[in-house]
Structure formats: C-alpha cells, structure tokens
C-alpha cells in the first residue's frame, strides 16, 4: 500500500484516485493488448468504480487498487 497524500475533501481524494487509475490504465494497455482477451474483443483493462475508490482489472483479476481511506482520528486523553 502506498499513501499518495491527504486531501481536504473526499471529492479531491476520489478525483486524484481516478486520475491515477486512468494514467496507469493507459500505461498498461499496450502490455495487455497482446493477451488473449484482446483477441476475444473484451476490453483489455477495466476501470471499476467502487465505494472505496477504483479498481483496475484485467479480465477478472485486480491489477491495482486505488482506495480512499479516512484519516485516523487522534485519541483524546
């Protein structure tokens, strides 16, 4: 897991996750293009929106997850 930042709003966090997922999908598309799914006419990569963020999938396998996590609330002593 890699933390890519803290955001002021949930909308900013989801927008950043989506942009990163799209960028990775573009970079990986040519690597998967020669695999069997490309010949069958199915999408090489699928970007799936979830309630936690975005999953980048090849066929039914998750390649990368871009998930949003809430900031831990510090304990009050």
PDB file of N, CA and C in Angstrom:
ATOM      1  N   UNK A   1       0.842  -1.167   0.000  1.00  0.00           N
ATOM      2  CA  UNK A   1       0.000   0.000   0.000  1.00  0.00           C
ATOM      3  C   UNK A   1       0.891   1.234   0.000  1.00  0.00           C
ATOM      4  N   UNK A   2       0.475   2.209  -0.778  1.00  0.00           N
ATOM      5  CA  UNK A   2       1.232   3.455  -0.887  1.00  0.00           C
ATOM      6  C   UNK A   2       0.295   4.630  -0.635  1.00  0.00           C
ATOM      7  N   UNK A   3       0.656   5.482   0.292  1.00  0.00           N
ATOM      8  CA  UNK A   3      -0.110   6.687   0.571  1.00  0.00           C
ATOM      9  C   UNK A   3       0.294   7.750  -0.443  1.00  0.00           C
ATOM     10  N   UNK A   4      -0.691   8.295  -1.152  1.00  0.00           N
ATOM     11  CA  UNK A   4      -0.369   9.311  -2.160  1.00  0.00           C
ATOM     12  C   UNK A   4      -0.739  10.713  -1.715  1.00  0.00           C
ATOM     13  N   UNK A   5      -1.234  10.861  -0.482  1.00  0.00           N
ATOM     14  CA  UNK A   5      -1.494  12.198   0.021  1.00  0.00           C
ATOM     15  C   UNK A   5      -2.704  12.270   0.927  1.00  0.00           C
ATOM     16  N   UNK A   6      -2.876  13.428   1.518  1.00  0.00           N
ATOM     17  CA  UNK A   6      -4.048  13.729   2.324  1.00  0.00           C
ATOM     18  C   UNK A   6      -4.775  14.869   1.634  1.00  0.00           C
ATOM     19  N   UNK A   7      -6.107  14.826   1.663  1.00  0.00           N
ATOM     20  CA  UNK A   7      -6.915  15.762   0.905  1.00  0.00           C
ATOM     21  C   UNK A   7      -7.926  16.450   1.797  1.00  0.00           C
ATOM     22  N   UNK A   8      -8.271  17.665   1.434  1.00  0.00           N
ATOM     23  CA  UNK A   8      -9.236  18.444   2.213  1.00  0.00           C
ATOM     24  C   UNK A   8     -10.659  17.931   2.057  1.00  0.00           C
ATOM     25  N   UNK A   9     -10.961  17.310   0.903  1.00  0.00           N
ATOM     26  CA  UNK A   9     -12.316  16.814   0.687  1.00  0.00           C
ATOM     27  C   UNK A   9     -12.272  15.417   0.091  1.00  0.00           C
ATOM     28  N   UNK A  10     -13.345  14.691   0.287  1.00  0.00           N
ATOM     29  CA  UNK A  10     -13.460  13.349  -0.274  1.00  0.00           C
ATOM     30  C   UNK A  10     -13.505  13.414  -1.797  1.00  0.00           C
ATOM     31  N   UNK A  11     -14.084  14.491  -2.329  1.00  0.00           N
ATOM     32  CA  UNK A  11     -14.150  14.666  -3.777  1.00  0.00           C
ATOM     33  C   UNK A  11     -12.753  14.786  -4.378  1.00  0.00           C
ATOM     34  N   UNK A  12     -11.867  15.542  -3.708  1.00  0.00           N
ATOM     35  CA  UNK A  12     -10.484  15.675  -4.178  1.00  0.00           C
ATOM     36  C   UNK A  12      -9.761  14.335  -4.142  1.00  0.00           C
ATOM     37  N   UNK A  13     -10.011  13.565  -3.097  1.00  0.00           N
ATOM     38  CA  UNK A  13      -9.367  12.252  -2.972  1.00  0.00           C
ATOM     39  C   UNK A  13      -9.817  11.319  -4.091  1.00  0.00           C
ATOM     40  N   UNK A  14     -11.126  11.289  -4.380  1.00  0.00           N
ATOM     41  CA  UNK A  14     -11.624  10.429  -5.447  1.00  0.00           C
ATOM     42  C   UNK A  14     -11.153  10.903  -6.820  1.00  0.00           C
ATOM     43  N   UNK A  15     -11.090  12.209  -7.034  1.00  0.00           N
ATOM     44  CA  UNK A  15     -10.614  12.734  -8.317  1.00  0.00           C
ATOM     45  C   UNK A  15      -9.152  12.352  -8.547  1.00  0.00           C
ATOM     46  N   UNK A  16      -8.337  12.428  -7.509  1.00  0.00           N
ATOM     47  CA  UNK A  16      -6.931  12.047  -7.618  1.00  0.00           C
ATOM     48  C   UNK A  16      -6.788  10.553  -7.874  1.00  0.00           C
ATOM     49  N   UNK A  17      -7.573   9.748  -7.165  1.00  0.00           N
ATOM     50  CA  UNK A  17      -7.524   8.297  -7.368  1.00  0.00           C
ATOM     51  C   UNK A  17      -7.936   7.934  -8.794  1.00  0.00           C
ATOM     52  N   UNK A  18      -8.969   8.575  -9.313  1.00  0.00           N
ATOM     53  CA  UNK A  18      -9.425   8.305 -10.667  1.00  0.00           C
ATOM     54  C   UNK A  18      -8.373   8.705 -11.696  1.00  0.00           C
ATOM     55  N   UNK A  19      -7.757   9.860 -11.514  1.00  0.00           N
ATOM     56  CA  UNK A  19      -6.713  10.309 -12.442  1.00  0.00           C
ATOM     57  C   UNK A  19      -5.532   9.346 -12.446  1.00  0.00           C
ATOM     58  N   UNK A  20      -5.119   8.883 -11.283  1.00  0.00           N
ATOM     59  CA  UNK A  20      -4.005   7.931 -11.204  1.00  0.00           C
ATOM     60  C   UNK A  20      -4.373   6.594 -11.836  1.00  0.00           C
ATOM     61  N   UNK A  21      -5.592   6.126 -11.608  1.00  0.00           N
ATOM     62  CA  UNK A  21      -6.035   4.856 -12.194  1.00  0.00           C
ATOM     63  C   UNK A  21      -6.082   4.961 -13.717  1.00  0.00           C
ATOM     64  N   UNK A  22      -6.598   6.056 -14.244  1.00  0.00           N
ATOM     65  CA  UNK A  22      -6.646   6.253 -15.703  1.00  0.00           C
ATOM     66  C   UNK A  22      -5.245   6.312 -16.294  1.00  0.00           C
ATOM     67  N   UNK A  23      -4.335   6.987 -15.616  1.00  0.00           N
ATOM     68  CA  UNK A  23      -2.954   7.090 -16.099  1.00  0.00           C
ATOM     69  C   UNK A  23      -2.297   5.709 -16.142  1.00  0.00           C
ATOM     70  N   UNK A  24      -2.482   4.915 -15.088  1.00  0.00           N
ATOM     71  CA  UNK A  24      -1.902   3.578 -15.077  1.00  0.00           C
ATOM     72  C   UNK A  24      -2.545   2.694 -16.150  1.00  0.00           C
ATOM     73  N   UNK A  25      -3.851   2.829 -16.339  1.00  0.00           N
ATOM     74  CA  UNK A  25      -4.539   2.042 -17.371  1.00  0.00           C
ATOM     75  C   UNK A  25      -3.959   2.344 -18.747  1.00  0.00           C
ATOM     76  N   UNK A  26      -3.672   3.607 -19.013  1.00  0.00           N
ATOM     77  CA  UNK A  26      -3.091   3.973 -20.305  1.00  0.00           C
ATOM     78  C   UNK A  26      -1.696   3.371 -20.467  1.00  0.00           C
ATOM     79  N   UNK A  27      -0.921   3.364 -19.394  1.00  0.00           N
ATOM     80  CA  UNK A  27       0.429   2.808 -19.462  1.00  0.00           C
ATOM     81  C   UNK A  27       0.425   1.289 -19.629  1.00  0.00           C
ATOM     82  N   UNK A  28      -0.537   0.615 -18.997  1.00  0.00           N
ATOM     83  CA  UNK A  28      -0.583  -0.841 -19.046  1.00  0.00           C
ATOM     84  C   UNK A  28      -1.321  -1.392 -20.265  1.00  0.00           C
ATOM     85  N   UNK A  29      -2.112  -0.579 -20.927  1.00  0.00           N
ATOM     86  CA  UNK A  29      -2.959  -1.070 -22.024  1.00  0.00           C
ATOM     87  C   UNK A  29      -2.157  -1.783 -23.102  1.00  0.00           C
ATOM     88  N   UNK A  30      -1.021  -1.234 -23.475  1.00  0.00           N
ATOM     89  CA  UNK A  30      -0.242  -1.868 -24.545  1.00  0.00           C
ATOM     90  C   UNK A  30       0.382  -3.185 -24.085  1.00  0.00           C
ATOM     91  N   UNK A  31       0.664  -3.329 -22.777  1.00  0.00           N
ATOM     92  CA  UNK A  31       1.226  -4.579 -22.273  1.00  0.00           C
ATOM     93  C   UNK A  31       0.205  -5.710 -22.321  1.00  0.00           C
ATOM     94  N   UNK A  32      -1.055  -5.390 -22.096  1.00  0.00           N
ATOM     95  CA  UNK A  32      -2.100  -6.395 -22.094  1.00  0.00           C
ATOM     96  C   UNK A  32      -2.721  -6.594 -23.480  1.00  0.00           C
ATOM     97  N   UNK A  33      -2.428  -5.723 -24.416  1.00  0.00           N
ATOM     98  CA  UNK A  33      -3.063  -5.785 -25.731  1.00  0.00           C
ATOM     99  C   UNK A  33      -2.764  -7.082 -26.469  1.00  0.00           C
ATOM    100  N   UNK A  34      -1.632  -7.689 -26.214  1.00  0.00           N
ATOM    101  CA  UNK A  34      -1.263  -8.910 -26.928  1.00  0.00           C
ATOM    102  C   UNK A  34      -1.816 -10.177 -26.272  1.00  0.00           C
ATOM    103  N   UNK A  35      -2.481 -10.043 -25.142  1.00  0.00           N
ATOM    104  CA  UNK A  35      -3.016 -11.212 -24.451  1.00  0.00           C
ATOM    105  C   UNK A  35      -4.354 -11.649 -25.056  1.00  0.00           C
ATOM    106  N   UNK A  36      -4.800 -12.814 -24.701  1.00  0.00           N
ATOM    107  CA  UNK A  36      -5.966 -13.437 -25.311  1.00  0.00           C
ATOM    108  C   UNK A  36      -7.240 -12.605 -25.224  1.00  0.00           C
ATOM    109  N   UNK A  37      -7.425 -11.833 -24.176  1.00  0.00           N
ATOM    110  CA  UNK A  37      -8.670 -11.073 -24.045  1.00  0.00           C
ATOM    111  C   UNK A  37      -8.808 -10.047 -25.161  1.00  0.00           C
ATOM    112  N   UNK A  38      -7.683  -9.520 -25.653  1.00  0.00           N
ATOM    113  CA  UNK A  38      -7.742  -8.545 -26.740  1.00  0.00           C
ATOM    114  C   UNK A  38      -8.269  -9.208 -28.009  1.00  0.00           C
ATOM    115  N   UNK A  39      -7.929 -10.471 -28.214  1.00  0.00           N
ATOM    116  CA  UNK A  39      -8.383 -11.194 -29.400  1.00  0.00           C
ATOM    117  C   UNK A  39      -9.860 -11.553 -29.306  1.00  0.00           C
ATOM    118  N   UNK A  40     -10.384 -11.707 -28.111  1.00  0.00           N
ATOM    119  CA  UNK A  40     -11.781 -12.084 -27.947  1.00  0.00           C
ATOM    120  C   UNK A  40     -12.719 -10.890 -28.056  1.00  0.00           C
ATOM    121  N   UNK A  41     -12.169  -9.689 -28.134  1.00  0.00           N
ATOM    122  CA  UNK A  41     -12.994  -8.498 -28.243  1.00  0.00           C
ATOM    123  C   UNK A  41     -13.371  -7.871 -26.921  1.00  0.00           C
ATOM    124  N   UNK A  42     -12.978  -8.493 -25.806  1.00  0.00           N
ATOM    125  CA  UNK A  42     -13.252  -7.912 -24.494  1.00  0.00           C
ATOM    126  C   UNK A  42     -12.259  -6.793 -24.214  1.00  0.00           C
ATOM    127  N   UNK A  43     -12.650  -5.839 -23.363  1.00  0.00           N
ATOM    128  CA  UNK A  43     -11.714  -4.770 -23.018  1.00  0.00           C
ATOM    129  C   UNK A  43     -10.436  -5.327 -22.404  1.00  0.00           C
ATOM    130  N   UNK A  44      -9.319  -4.732 -22.761  1.00  0.00           N
ATOM    131  CA  UNK A  44      -8.036  -5.176 -22.227  1.00  0.00           C
ATOM    132  C   UNK A  44      -7.982  -4.909 -20.728  1.00  0.00           C
ATOM    133  N   UNK A  45      -8.355  -3.711 -20.333  1.00  0.00           N
ATOM    134  CA  UNK A  45      -8.391  -3.331 -18.922  1.00  0.00           C
ATOM    135  C   UNK A  45      -9.750  -2.715 -18.616  1.00  0.00           C
ATOM    136  N   UNK A  46     -10.213  -2.938 -17.410  1.00  0.00           N
ATOM    137  CA  UNK A  46     -11.472  -2.356 -16.967  1.00  0.00           C
ATOM    138  C   UNK A  46     -11.206  -1.507 -15.735  1.00  0.00           C
ATOM    139  N   UNK A  47     -11.737  -0.300 -15.732  1.00  0.00           N
ATOM    140  CA  UNK A  47     -11.647   0.582 -14.578  1.00  0.00           C
ATOM    141  C   UNK A  47     -13.000   0.529 -13.884  1.00  0.00           C
ATOM    142  N   UNK A  48     -13.012  -0.041 -12.683  1.00  0.00           N
ATOM    143  CA  UNK A  48     -14.252  -0.259 -11.954  1.00  0.00           C
ATOM    144  C   UNK A  48     -14.332   0.698 -10.774  1.00  0.00           C
ATOM    145  N   UNK A  49     -15.400   1.492 -10.713  1.00  0.00           N
ATOM    146  CA  UNK A  49     -15.632   2.368  -9.566  1.00  0.00           C
ATOM    147  C   UNK A  49     -16.243   1.550  -8.445  1.00  0.00           C
ATOM    148  N   UNK A  50     -15.699   1.700  -7.250  1.00  0.00           N
ATOM    149  CA  UNK A  50     -16.233   1.015  -6.073  1.00  0.00           C
ATOM    150  C   UNK A  50     -16.560   2.066  -5.028  1.00  0.00           C
ATOM    151  N   UNK A  51     -17.185   1.643  -3.940  1.00  0.00           N
ATOM    152  CA  UNK A  51     -17.482   2.617  -2.885  1.00  0.00           C
ATOM    153  C   UNK A  51     -16.217   3.081  -2.161  1.00  0.00           C
ATOM    154  N   UNK A  52     -15.105   2.368  -2.342  1.00  0.00           N
ATOM    155  CA  UNK A  52     -13.841   2.713  -1.669  1.00  0.00           C
ATOM    156  C   UNK A  52     -12.856   3.423  -2.571  1.00  0.00           C
ATOM    157  N   UNK A  53     -13.107   3.474  -3.862  1.00  0.00           N
ATOM    158  CA  UNK A  53     -12.173   4.090  -4.808  1.00  0.00           C
ATOM    159  C   UNK A  53     -12.322   3.466  -6.176  1.00  0.00           C
ATOM    160  N   UNK A  54     -11.217   2.998  -6.744  1.00  0.00           N
ATOM    161  CA  UNK A  54     -11.226   2.444  -8.099  1.00  0.00           C
ATOM    162  C   UNK A  54     -10.331   1.217  -8.171  1.00  0.00           C
ATOM    163  N   UNK A  55     -10.801   0.212  -8.910  1.00  0.00           N
ATOM    164  CA  UNK A  55     -10.014  -0.991  -9.180  1.00  0.00           C
ATOM    165  C   UNK A  55      -9.700  -1.023 -10.663  1.00  0.00           C
ATOM    166  N   UNK A  56      -8.472  -1.346 -10.986  1.00  0.00           N
ATOM    167  CA  UNK A  56      -8.040  -1.546 -12.359  1.00  0.00           C
ATOM    168  C   UNK A  56      -7.915  -3.048 -12.551  1.00  0.00           C
ATOM    169  N   UNK A  57      -8.695  -3.610 -13.502  1.00  0.00           N
ATOM    170  CA  UNK A  57      -8.742  -5.067 -13.658  1.00  0.00           C
ATOM    171  C   UNK A  57      -8.402  -5.501 -15.066  1.00  0.00           C
ATOM    172  N   UNK A  58      -7.778  -6.647 -15.137  1.00  0.00           N
ATOM    173  CA  UNK A  58      -7.564  -7.356 -16.400  1.00  0.00           C
ATOM    174  C   UNK A  58      -8.344  -8.644 -16.282  1.00  0.00           C
ATOM    175  N   UNK A  59      -9.338  -8.825 -17.179  1.00  0.00           N
ATOM    176  CA  UNK A  59     -10.282  -9.931 -17.084  1.00  0.00           C
ATOM    177  C   UNK A  59     -10.904  -9.874 -15.690  1.00  0.00           C
ATOM    178  N   UNK A  60     -10.765 -10.903 -14.870  1.00  0.00           N
ATOM    179  CA  UNK A  60     -11.377 -10.877 -13.539  1.00  0.00           C
ATOM    180  C   UNK A  60     -10.345 -10.644 -12.441  1.00  0.00           C
ATOM    181  N   UNK A  61      -9.126 -10.346 -12.820  1.00  0.00           N
ATOM    182  CA  UNK A  61      -8.054 -10.169 -11.846  1.00  0.00           C
ATOM    183  C   UNK A  61      -7.810  -8.681 -11.592  1.00  0.00           C
ATOM    184  N   UNK A  62      -7.776  -8.303 -10.322  1.00  0.00           N
ATOM    185  CA  UNK A  62      -7.465  -6.921  -9.964  1.00  0.00           C
ATOM    186  C   UNK A  62      -5.967  -6.701 -10.105  1.00  0.00           C
ATOM    187  N   UNK A  63      -5.604  -5.721 -10.910  1.00  0.00           N
ATOM    188  CA  UNK A  63      -4.199  -5.388 -11.142  1.00  0.00           C
ATOM    189  C   UNK A  63      -3.736  -4.371 -10.102  1.00  0.00           C
ATOM    190  N   UNK A  64      -4.549  -3.339  -9.889  1.00  0.00           N
ATOM    191  CA  UNK A  64      -4.209  -2.274  -8.942  1.00  0.00           C
ATOM    192  C   UNK A  64      -5.486  -1.747  -8.315  1.00  0.00           C
ATOM    193  N   UNK A  65      -5.374  -1.351  -7.054  1.00  0.00           N
ATOM    194  CA  UNK A  65      -6.491  -0.708  -6.361  1.00  0.00           C
ATOM    195  C   UNK A  65      -6.069   0.690  -5.940  1.00  0.00           C
ATOM    196  N   UNK A  66      -6.974   1.614  -6.170  1.00  0.00           N
ATOM    197  CA  UNK A  66      -6.802   2.990  -5.699  1.00  0.00           C
ATOM    198  C   UNK A  66      -7.944   3.246  -4.729  1.00  0.00           C
ATOM    199  N   UNK A  67      -7.670   3.047  -3.452  1.00  0.00           N
ATOM    200  CA  UNK A  67      -8.701   3.154  -2.433  1.00  0.00           C
ATOM    201  C   UNK A  67      -8.518   4.402  -1.595  1.00  0.00           C
ATOM    202  N   UNK A  68      -9.642   4.912  -1.140  1.00  0.00           N
ATOM    203  CA  UNK A  68      -9.676   6.091  -0.287  1.00  0.00           C
ATOM    204  C   UNK A  68      -9.878   5.618   1.159  1.00  0.00           C
ATOM    205  N   UNK A  69      -9.053   6.116   2.052  1.00  0.00           N
ATOM    206  CA  UNK A  69      -9.165   5.779   3.478  1.00  0.00           C
ATOM    207  C   UNK A  69      -9.342   7.067   4.252  1.00  0.00           C
ATOM    208  N   UNK A  70     -10.172   7.002   5.282  1.00  0.00           N
ATOM    209  CA  UNK A  70     -10.349   8.184   6.116  1.00  0.00           C
ATOM    210  C   UNK A  70      -9.130   8.376   7.008  1.00  0.00           C
ATOM    211  N   UNK A  71      -8.913   9.591   7.375  1.00  0.00           N
ATOM    212  CA  UNK A  71      -7.807   9.933   8.258  1.00  0.00           C
ATOM    213  C   UNK A  71      -8.130   9.435   9.665  1.00  0.00           C
ATOM    214  N   UNK A  72      -7.170   8.777  10.323  1.00  0.00           N
ATOM    215  CA  UNK A  72      -7.432   8.318  11.695  1.00  0.00           C
ATOM    216  C   UNK A  72      -7.703   9.500  12.625  1.00  0.00           C
ATOM    217  N   UNK A  73      -8.665   9.321  13.501  1.00  0.00           N
ATOM    218  CA  UNK A  73      -8.987  10.368  14.472  1.00  0.00           C
ATOM    219  C   UNK A  73      -8.085  10.171  15.688  1.00  0.00           C
ATOM    220  N   UNK A  74      -7.306  11.205  16.038  1.00  0.00           N
ATOM    221  CA  UNK A  74      -6.407  11.054  17.184  1.00  0.00           C
ATOM    222  C   UNK A  74      -7.200  10.851  18.474  1.00  0.00           C
ATOM    223  N   UNK A  75      -6.660  10.006  19.318  1.00  0.00           N
ATOM    224  CA  UNK A  75      -7.300   9.736  20.617  1.00  0.00           C
ATOM    225  C   UNK A  75      -7.148  10.952  21.518  1.00  0.00           C
ATOM    226  N   UNK A  76      -8.207  11.262  22.210  1.00  0.00           N
ATOM    227  CA  UNK A  76      -8.181  12.389  23.164  1.00  0.00           C
ATOM    228  C   UNK A  76      -7.893  11.812  24.547  1.00  0.00           C
ATOM    229  N   UNK A  77      -6.876  12.381  25.199  1.00  0.00           N
ATOM    230  CA  UNK A  77      -6.545  11.857  26.525  1.00  0.00           C
ATOM    231  C   UNK A  77      -7.031  12.757  27.620  1.00  0.00           C
TER     232      UNK A  77
END
